[in-house]
């Protein structure tokens, strides 16, 4: 998530202005793939991601895909 927003963090003021002027919405789309039986998944946005989303009114959308471990082969 940080890789996605890192270039946008310095532009929070501009993003807020765009949102206000053009009535747009922002979404951070997260699409993890998890394989059953593998290590426990962890989906935990850090404070910087949460603050960015808060300040820019960005929604977080998570589309989780779970696969059977046999699909790895």
PDB file of N, CA and C in Angstrom:
ATOM      1  N   UNK A   1       0.820  -1.185   0.000  1.00  0.00           N
ATOM      2  CA  UNK A   1       0.000   0.000   0.000  1.00  0.00           C
ATOM      3  C   UNK A   1       0.868   1.255   0.000  1.00  0.00           C
ATOM      4  N   UNK A   2       1.965   1.211   0.758  1.00  0.00           N
ATOM      5  CA  UNK A   2       2.846   2.381   0.796  1.00  0.00           C
ATOM      6  C   UNK A   2       3.460   2.647  -0.569  1.00  0.00           C
ATOM      7  N   UNK A   3       3.780   1.594  -1.294  1.00  0.00           N
ATOM      8  CA  UNK A   3       4.350   1.780  -2.625  1.00  0.00           C
ATOM      9  C   UNK A   3       3.352   2.515  -3.518  1.00  0.00           C
ATOM     10  N   UNK A   4       2.080   2.213  -3.355  1.00  0.00           N
ATOM     11  CA  UNK A   4       1.051   2.841  -4.173  1.00  0.00           C
ATOM     12  C   UNK A   4       0.873   4.312  -3.829  1.00  0.00           C
ATOM     13  N   UNK A   5       0.874   4.642  -2.546  1.00  0.00           N
ATOM     14  CA  UNK A   5       0.572   6.026  -2.156  1.00  0.00           C
ATOM     15  C   UNK A   5       1.798   6.904  -1.938  1.00  0.00           C
ATOM     16  N   UNK A   6       2.998   6.332  -1.936  1.00  0.00           N
ATOM     17  CA  UNK A   6       4.197   7.108  -1.592  1.00  0.00           C
ATOM     18  C   UNK A   6       4.367   8.369  -2.444  1.00  0.00           C
ATOM     19  N   UNK A   7       4.076   8.285  -3.722  1.00  0.00           N
ATOM     20  CA  UNK A   7       4.202   9.465  -4.582  1.00  0.00           C
ATOM     21  C   UNK A   7       3.051  10.448  -4.388  1.00  0.00           C
ATOM     22  N   UNK A   8       1.957   9.979  -3.790  1.00  0.00           N
ATOM     23  CA  UNK A   8       0.775  10.830  -3.606  1.00  0.00           C
ATOM     24  C   UNK A   8       0.760  11.561  -2.271  1.00  0.00           C
ATOM     25  N   UNK A   9       1.466  11.030  -1.282  1.00  0.00           N
ATOM     26  CA  UNK A   9       1.465  11.642   0.057  1.00  0.00           C
ATOM     27  C   UNK A   9       1.863  13.117   0.017  1.00  0.00           C
ATOM     28  N   UNK A  10       2.898  13.503  -0.718  1.00  0.00           N
ATOM     29  CA  UNK A  10       3.253  14.931  -0.763  1.00  0.00           C
ATOM     30  C   UNK A  10       2.214  15.801  -1.485  1.00  0.00           C
ATOM     31  N   UNK A  11       1.258  15.180  -2.132  1.00  0.00           N
ATOM     32  CA  UNK A  11       0.270  15.912  -2.921  1.00  0.00           C
ATOM     33  C   UNK A  11      -1.124  15.899  -2.282  1.00  0.00           C
ATOM     34  N   UNK A  12      -1.184  15.685  -0.974  1.00  0.00           N
ATOM     35  CA  UNK A  12      -2.473  15.607  -0.283  1.00  0.00           C
ATOM     36  C   UNK A  12      -3.300  16.878  -0.498  1.00  0.00           C
ATOM     37  N   UNK A  13      -2.674  18.038  -0.384  1.00  0.00           N
ATOM     38  CA  UNK A  13      -3.421  19.294  -0.576  1.00  0.00           C
ATOM     39  C   UNK A  13      -3.998  19.383  -1.987  1.00  0.00           C
ATOM     40  N   UNK A  14      -3.214  18.994  -2.983  1.00  0.00           N
ATOM     41  CA  UNK A  14      -3.702  19.024  -4.360  1.00  0.00           C
ATOM     42  C   UNK A  14      -4.839  18.021  -4.563  1.00  0.00           C
ATOM     43  N   UNK A  15      -4.724  16.854  -3.960  1.00  0.00           N
ATOM     44  CA  UNK A  15      -5.771  15.847  -4.074  1.00  0.00           C
ATOM     45  C   UNK A  15      -7.075  16.328  -3.430  1.00  0.00           C
ATOM     46  N   UNK A  16      -6.955  16.995  -2.289  1.00  0.00           N
ATOM     47  CA  UNK A  16      -8.143  17.533  -1.635  1.00  0.00           C
ATOM     48  C   UNK A  16      -8.811  18.598  -2.501  1.00  0.00           C
ATOM     49  N   UNK A  17      -7.997  19.400  -3.171  1.00  0.00           N
ATOM     50  CA  UNK A  17      -8.529  20.438  -4.049  1.00  0.00           C
ATOM     51  C   UNK A  17      -9.222  19.812  -5.263  1.00  0.00           C
ATOM     52  N   UNK A  18      -8.622  18.783  -5.838  1.00  0.00           N
ATOM     53  CA  UNK A  18      -9.227  18.078  -6.975  1.00  0.00           C
ATOM     54  C   UNK A  18     -10.566  17.474  -6.553  1.00  0.00           C
ATOM     55  N   UNK A  19     -10.578  16.861  -5.387  1.00  0.00           N
ATOM     56  CA  UNK A  19     -11.810  16.243  -4.879  1.00  0.00           C
ATOM     57  C   UNK A  19     -12.912  17.287  -4.714  1.00  0.00           C
ATOM     58  N   UNK A  20     -12.535  18.426  -4.180  1.00  0.00           N
ATOM     59  CA  UNK A  20     -13.498  19.499  -3.949  1.00  0.00           C
ATOM     60  C   UNK A  20     -13.997  20.099  -5.272  1.00  0.00           C
ATOM     61  N   UNK A  21     -13.063  20.378  -6.176  1.00  0.00           N
ATOM     62  CA  UNK A  21     -13.410  21.053  -7.431  1.00  0.00           C
ATOM     63  C   UNK A  21     -14.192  20.160  -8.391  1.00  0.00           C
ATOM     64  N   UNK A  22     -13.830  18.892  -8.475  1.00  0.00           N
ATOM     65  CA  UNK A  22     -14.430  18.007  -9.478  1.00  0.00           C
ATOM     66  C   UNK A  22     -15.379  16.963  -8.890  1.00  0.00           C
ATOM     67  N   UNK A  23     -15.571  16.985  -7.582  1.00  0.00           N
ATOM     68  CA  UNK A  23     -16.473  16.051  -6.910  1.00  0.00           C
ATOM     69  C   UNK A  23     -16.157  14.599  -7.280  1.00  0.00           C
ATOM     70  N   UNK A  24     -14.893  14.227  -7.104  1.00  0.00           N
ATOM     71  CA  UNK A  24     -14.458  12.856  -7.393  1.00  0.00           C
ATOM     72  C   UNK A  24     -14.304  12.082  -6.083  1.00  0.00           C
ATOM     73  N   UNK A  25     -14.199  10.773  -6.211  1.00  0.00           N
ATOM     74  CA  UNK A  25     -13.912   9.956  -5.047  1.00  0.00           C
ATOM     75  C   UNK A  25     -12.624   9.186  -5.311  1.00  0.00           C
ATOM     76  N   UNK A  26     -11.919   8.891  -4.245  1.00  0.00           N
ATOM     77  CA  UNK A  26     -10.660   8.145  -4.344  1.00  0.00           C
ATOM     78  C   UNK A  26     -10.839   6.804  -3.659  1.00  0.00           C
ATOM     79  N   UNK A  27     -10.241   5.765  -4.243  1.00  0.00           N
ATOM     80  CA  UNK A  27     -10.293   4.431  -3.657  1.00  0.00           C
ATOM     81  C   UNK A  27      -8.925   3.773  -3.755  1.00  0.00           C
ATOM     82  N   UNK A  28      -8.490   3.182  -2.672  1.00  0.00           N
ATOM     83  CA  UNK A  28      -7.286   2.367  -2.653  1.00  0.00           C
ATOM     84  C   UNK A  28      -7.758   0.920  -2.745  1.00  0.00           C
ATOM     85  N   UNK A  29      -7.528   0.298  -3.883  1.00  0.00           N
ATOM     86  CA  UNK A  29      -7.991  -1.060  -4.156  1.00  0.00           C
ATOM     87  C   UNK A  29      -6.887  -2.042  -3.777  1.00  0.00           C
ATOM     88  N   UNK A  30      -7.204  -2.969  -2.873  1.00  0.00           N
ATOM     89  CA  UNK A  30      -6.239  -3.961  -2.414  1.00  0.00           C
ATOM     90  C   UNK A  30      -6.755  -5.329  -2.824  1.00  0.00           C
ATOM     91  N   UNK A  31      -5.910  -6.101  -3.546  1.00  0.00           N
ATOM     92  CA  UNK A  31      -6.347  -7.399  -4.056  1.00  0.00           C
ATOM     93  C   UNK A  31      -5.309  -8.462  -3.691  1.00  0.00           C
ATOM     94  N   UNK A  32      -5.359  -8.951  -2.438  1.00  0.00           N
ATOM     95  CA  UNK A  32      -4.418 -10.009  -2.055  1.00  0.00           C
ATOM     96  C   UNK A  32      -4.931 -11.381  -2.458  1.00  0.00           C
ATOM     97  N   UNK A  33      -3.996 -12.287  -2.725  1.00  0.00           N
ATOM     98  CA  UNK A  33      -4.328 -13.686  -2.984  1.00  0.00           C
ATOM     99  C   UNK A  33      -3.776 -14.508  -1.831  1.00  0.00           C
ATOM    100  N   UNK A  34      -4.621 -15.366  -1.276  1.00  0.00           N
ATOM    101  CA  UNK A  34      -4.236 -16.185  -0.132  1.00  0.00           C
ATOM    102  C   UNK A  34      -4.447 -17.640  -0.511  1.00  0.00           C
ATOM    103  N   UNK A  35      -3.490 -18.477  -0.130  1.00  0.00           N
ATOM    104  CA  UNK A  35      -3.599 -19.902  -0.385  1.00  0.00           C
ATOM    105  C   UNK A  35      -3.834 -20.615   0.935  1.00  0.00           C
ATOM    106  N   UNK A  36      -4.921 -21.373   1.021  1.00  0.00           N
ATOM    107  CA  UNK A  36      -5.277 -22.102   2.235  1.00  0.00           C
ATOM    108  C   UNK A  36      -4.132 -23.024   2.628  1.00  0.00           C
ATOM    109  N   UNK A  37      -3.839 -23.068   3.912  1.00  0.00           N
ATOM    110  CA  UNK A  37      -2.773 -23.939   4.402  1.00  0.00           C
ATOM    111  C   UNK A  37      -1.408 -23.281   4.397  1.00  0.00           C
ATOM    112  N   UNK A  38      -1.277 -22.142   3.776  1.00  0.00           N
ATOM    113  CA  UNK A  38      -0.007 -21.416   3.781  1.00  0.00           C
ATOM    114  C   UNK A  38       0.054 -20.536   5.025  1.00  0.00           C
ATOM    115  N   UNK A  39       1.039 -19.699   5.121  1.00  0.00           N
ATOM    116  CA  UNK A  39       1.177 -18.843   6.297  1.00  0.00           C
ATOM    117  C   UNK A  39      -0.066 -17.974   6.486  1.00  0.00           C
ATOM    118  N   UNK A  40      -0.308 -17.608   7.720  1.00  0.00           N
ATOM    119  CA  UNK A  40      -1.493 -16.812   8.050  1.00  0.00           C
ATOM    120  C   UNK A  40      -1.414 -15.453   7.352  1.00  0.00           C
ATOM    121  N   UNK A  41      -2.487 -15.068   6.686  1.00  0.00           N
ATOM    122  CA  UNK A  41      -2.481 -13.778   5.985  1.00  0.00           C
ATOM    123  C   UNK A  41      -2.548 -12.617   6.965  1.00  0.00           C
ATOM    124  N   UNK A  42      -1.937 -11.534   6.591  1.00  0.00           N
ATOM    125  CA  UNK A  42      -1.990 -10.332   7.410  1.00  0.00           C
ATOM    126  C   UNK A  42      -2.267  -9.153   6.491  1.00  0.00           C
ATOM    127  N   UNK A  43      -3.311  -8.448   6.786  1.00  0.00           N
ATOM    128  CA  UNK A  43      -3.658  -7.271   6.009  1.00  0.00           C
ATOM    129  C   UNK A  43      -3.815  -6.120   7.002  1.00  0.00           C
ATOM    130  N   UNK A  44      -2.745  -5.374   7.191  1.00  0.00           N
ATOM    131  CA  UNK A  44      -2.746  -4.332   8.204  1.00  0.00           C
ATOM    132  C   UNK A  44      -2.134  -3.057   7.635  1.00  0.00           C
ATOM    133  N   UNK A  45      -2.972  -2.128   7.187  1.00  0.00           N
ATOM    134  CA  UNK A  45      -2.423  -0.852   6.704  1.00  0.00           C
ATOM    135  C   UNK A  45      -1.697  -0.143   7.840  1.00  0.00           C
ATOM    136  N   UNK A  46      -0.544   0.422   7.538  1.00  0.00           N
ATOM    137  CA  UNK A  46       0.188   1.145   8.580  1.00  0.00           C
ATOM    138  C   UNK A  46      -0.433   2.526   8.799  1.00  0.00           C
ATOM    139  N   UNK A  47       0.060   3.217   9.802  1.00  0.00           N
ATOM    140  CA  UNK A  47      -0.495   4.521  10.173  1.00  0.00           C
ATOM    141  C   UNK A  47      -0.433   5.524   9.025  1.00  0.00           C
ATOM    142  N   UNK A  48       0.632   5.494   8.235  1.00  0.00           N
ATOM    143  CA  UNK A  48       0.772   6.438   7.118  1.00  0.00           C
ATOM    144  C   UNK A  48      -0.330   6.221   6.078  1.00  0.00           C
ATOM    145  N   UNK A  49      -0.660   4.968   5.803  1.00  0.00           N
ATOM    146  CA  UNK A  49      -1.729   4.663   4.850  1.00  0.00           C
ATOM    147  C   UNK A  49      -3.065   5.145   5.400  1.00  0.00           C
ATOM    148  N   UNK A  50      -3.309   4.863   6.653  1.00  0.00           N
ATOM    149  CA  UNK A  50      -4.570   5.269   7.277  1.00  0.00           C
ATOM    150  C   UNK A  50      -4.691   6.795   7.298  1.00  0.00           C
ATOM    151  N   UNK A  51      -3.616   7.485   7.648  1.00  0.00           N
ATOM    152  CA  UNK A  51      -3.648   8.953   7.669  1.00  0.00           C
ATOM    153  C   UNK A  51      -3.873   9.518   6.272  1.00  0.00           C
ATOM    154  N   UNK A  52      -3.205   8.945   5.261  1.00  0.00           N
ATOM    155  CA  UNK A  52      -3.407   9.396   3.892  1.00  0.00           C
ATOM    156  C   UNK A  52      -4.867   9.244   3.488  1.00  0.00           C
ATOM    157  N   UNK A  53      -5.427   8.072   3.757  1.00  0.00           N
ATOM    158  CA  UNK A  53      -6.821   7.820   3.398  1.00  0.00           C
ATOM    159  C   UNK A  53      -7.763   8.746   4.159  1.00  0.00           C
ATOM    160  N   UNK A  54      -7.460   9.025   5.398  1.00  0.00           N
ATOM    161  CA  UNK A  54      -8.285   9.929   6.193  1.00  0.00           C
ATOM    162  C   UNK A  54      -8.248  11.350   5.615  1.00  0.00           C
ATOM    163  N   UNK A  55      -7.052  11.853   5.364  1.00  0.00           N
ATOM    164  CA  UNK A  55      -6.903  13.235   4.895  1.00  0.00           C
ATOM    165  C   UNK A  55      -7.453  13.453   3.482  1.00  0.00           C
ATOM    166  N   UNK A  56      -7.414  12.429   2.663  1.00  0.00           N
ATOM    167  CA  UNK A  56      -7.896  12.571   1.280  1.00  0.00           C
ATOM    168  C   UNK A  56      -9.295  11.977   1.095  1.00  0.00           C
ATOM    169  N   UNK A  57      -9.871  11.482   2.173  1.00  0.00           N
ATOM    170  CA  UNK A  57     -11.190  10.825   2.126  1.00  0.00           C
ATOM    171  C   UNK A  57     -11.187   9.676   1.118  1.00  0.00           C
ATOM    172  N   UNK A  58     -10.108   8.917   1.140  1.00  0.00           N
ATOM    173  CA  UNK A  58      -9.946   7.775   0.254  1.00  0.00           C
ATOM    174  C   UNK A  58     -10.544   6.534   0.897  1.00  0.00           C
ATOM    175  N   UNK A  59     -11.397   5.835   0.156  1.00  0.00           N
ATOM    176  CA  UNK A  59     -11.952   4.577   0.627  1.00  0.00           C
ATOM    177  C   UNK A  59     -10.931   3.467   0.409  1.00  0.00           C
ATOM    178  N   UNK A  60     -10.976   2.465   1.266  1.00  0.00           N
ATOM    179  CA  UNK A  60     -10.150   1.273   1.091  1.00  0.00           C
ATOM    180  C   UNK A  60     -11.083   0.140   0.715  1.00  0.00           C
ATOM    181  N   UNK A  61     -10.834  -0.477  -0.439  1.00  0.00           N
ATOM    182  CA  UNK A  61     -11.643  -1.592  -0.916  1.00  0.00           C
ATOM    183  C   UNK A  61     -10.745  -2.816  -0.999  1.00  0.00           C
ATOM    184  N   UNK A  62     -11.154  -3.889  -0.327  1.00  0.00           N
ATOM    185  CA  UNK A  62     -10.355  -5.112  -0.298  1.00  0.00           C
ATOM    186  C   UNK A  62     -11.129  -6.220  -0.995  1.00  0.00           C
ATOM    187  N   UNK A  63     -10.563  -6.752  -2.070  1.00  0.00           N
ATOM    188  CA  UNK A  63     -11.107  -7.915  -2.773  1.00  0.00           C
ATOM    189  C   UNK A  63     -10.174  -9.077  -2.476  1.00  0.00           C
ATOM    190  N   UNK A  64     -10.603  -9.954  -1.602  1.00  0.00           N
ATOM    191  CA  UNK A  64      -9.768 -11.051  -1.125  1.00  0.00           C
ATOM    192  C   UNK A  64     -10.046 -12.313  -1.930  1.00  0.00           C
ATOM    193  N   UNK A  65      -9.009 -12.921  -2.452  1.00  0.00           N
ATOM    194  CA  UNK A  65      -9.137 -14.166  -3.206  1.00  0.00           C
ATOM    195  C   UNK A  65      -8.440 -15.274  -2.435  1.00  0.00           C
ATOM    196  N   UNK A  66      -9.185 -16.320  -2.090  1.00  0.00           N
ATOM    197  CA  UNK A  66      -8.639 -17.453  -1.345  1.00  0.00           C
ATOM    198  C   UNK A  66      -8.628 -18.658  -2.271  1.00  0.00           C
ATOM    199  N   UNK A  67      -7.464 -19.297  -2.351  1.00  0.00           N
ATOM    200  CA  UNK A  67      -7.288 -20.451  -3.226  1.00  0.00           C
ATOM    201  C   UNK A  67      -6.899 -21.679  -2.405  1.00  0.00           C
ATOM    202  N   UNK A  68      -7.216 -22.833  -2.920  1.00  0.00           N
ATOM    203  CA  UNK A  68      -6.786 -24.089  -2.320  1.00  0.00           C
ATOM    204  C   UNK A  68      -5.283 -24.214  -2.570  1.00  0.00           C
ATOM    205  N   UNK A  69      -4.528 -24.716  -1.592  1.00  0.00           N
ATOM    206  CA  UNK A  69      -3.067 -24.856  -1.752  1.00  0.00           C
ATOM    207  C   UNK A  69      -2.706 -25.750  -2.924  1.00  0.00           C
ATOM    208  N   UNK A  70      -3.569 -26.681  -3.303  1.00  0.00           N
ATOM    209  CA  UNK A  70      -3.267 -27.575  -4.429  1.00  0.00           C
ATOM    210  C   UNK A  70      -3.193 -26.806  -5.742  1.00  0.00           C
ATOM    211  N   UNK A  71      -3.729 -25.599  -5.782  1.00  0.00           N
ATOM    212  CA  UNK A  71      -3.692 -24.784  -7.001  1.00  0.00           C
ATOM    213  C   UNK A  71      -2.312 -24.190  -7.249  1.00  0.00           C
ATOM    214  N   UNK A  72      -1.392 -24.344  -6.272  1.00  0.00           N
ATOM    215  CA  UNK A  72      -0.027 -23.852  -6.434  1.00  0.00           C
ATOM    216  C   UNK A  72       0.745 -24.698  -7.436  1.00  0.00           C
ATOM    217  N   UNK A  73       0.383 -25.945  -7.574  1.00  0.00           N
ATOM    218  CA  UNK A  73       1.157 -26.877  -8.413  1.00  0.00           C
ATOM    219  C   UNK A  73       0.773 -26.819  -9.853  1.00  0.00           C
TER     220      UNK A  73
END
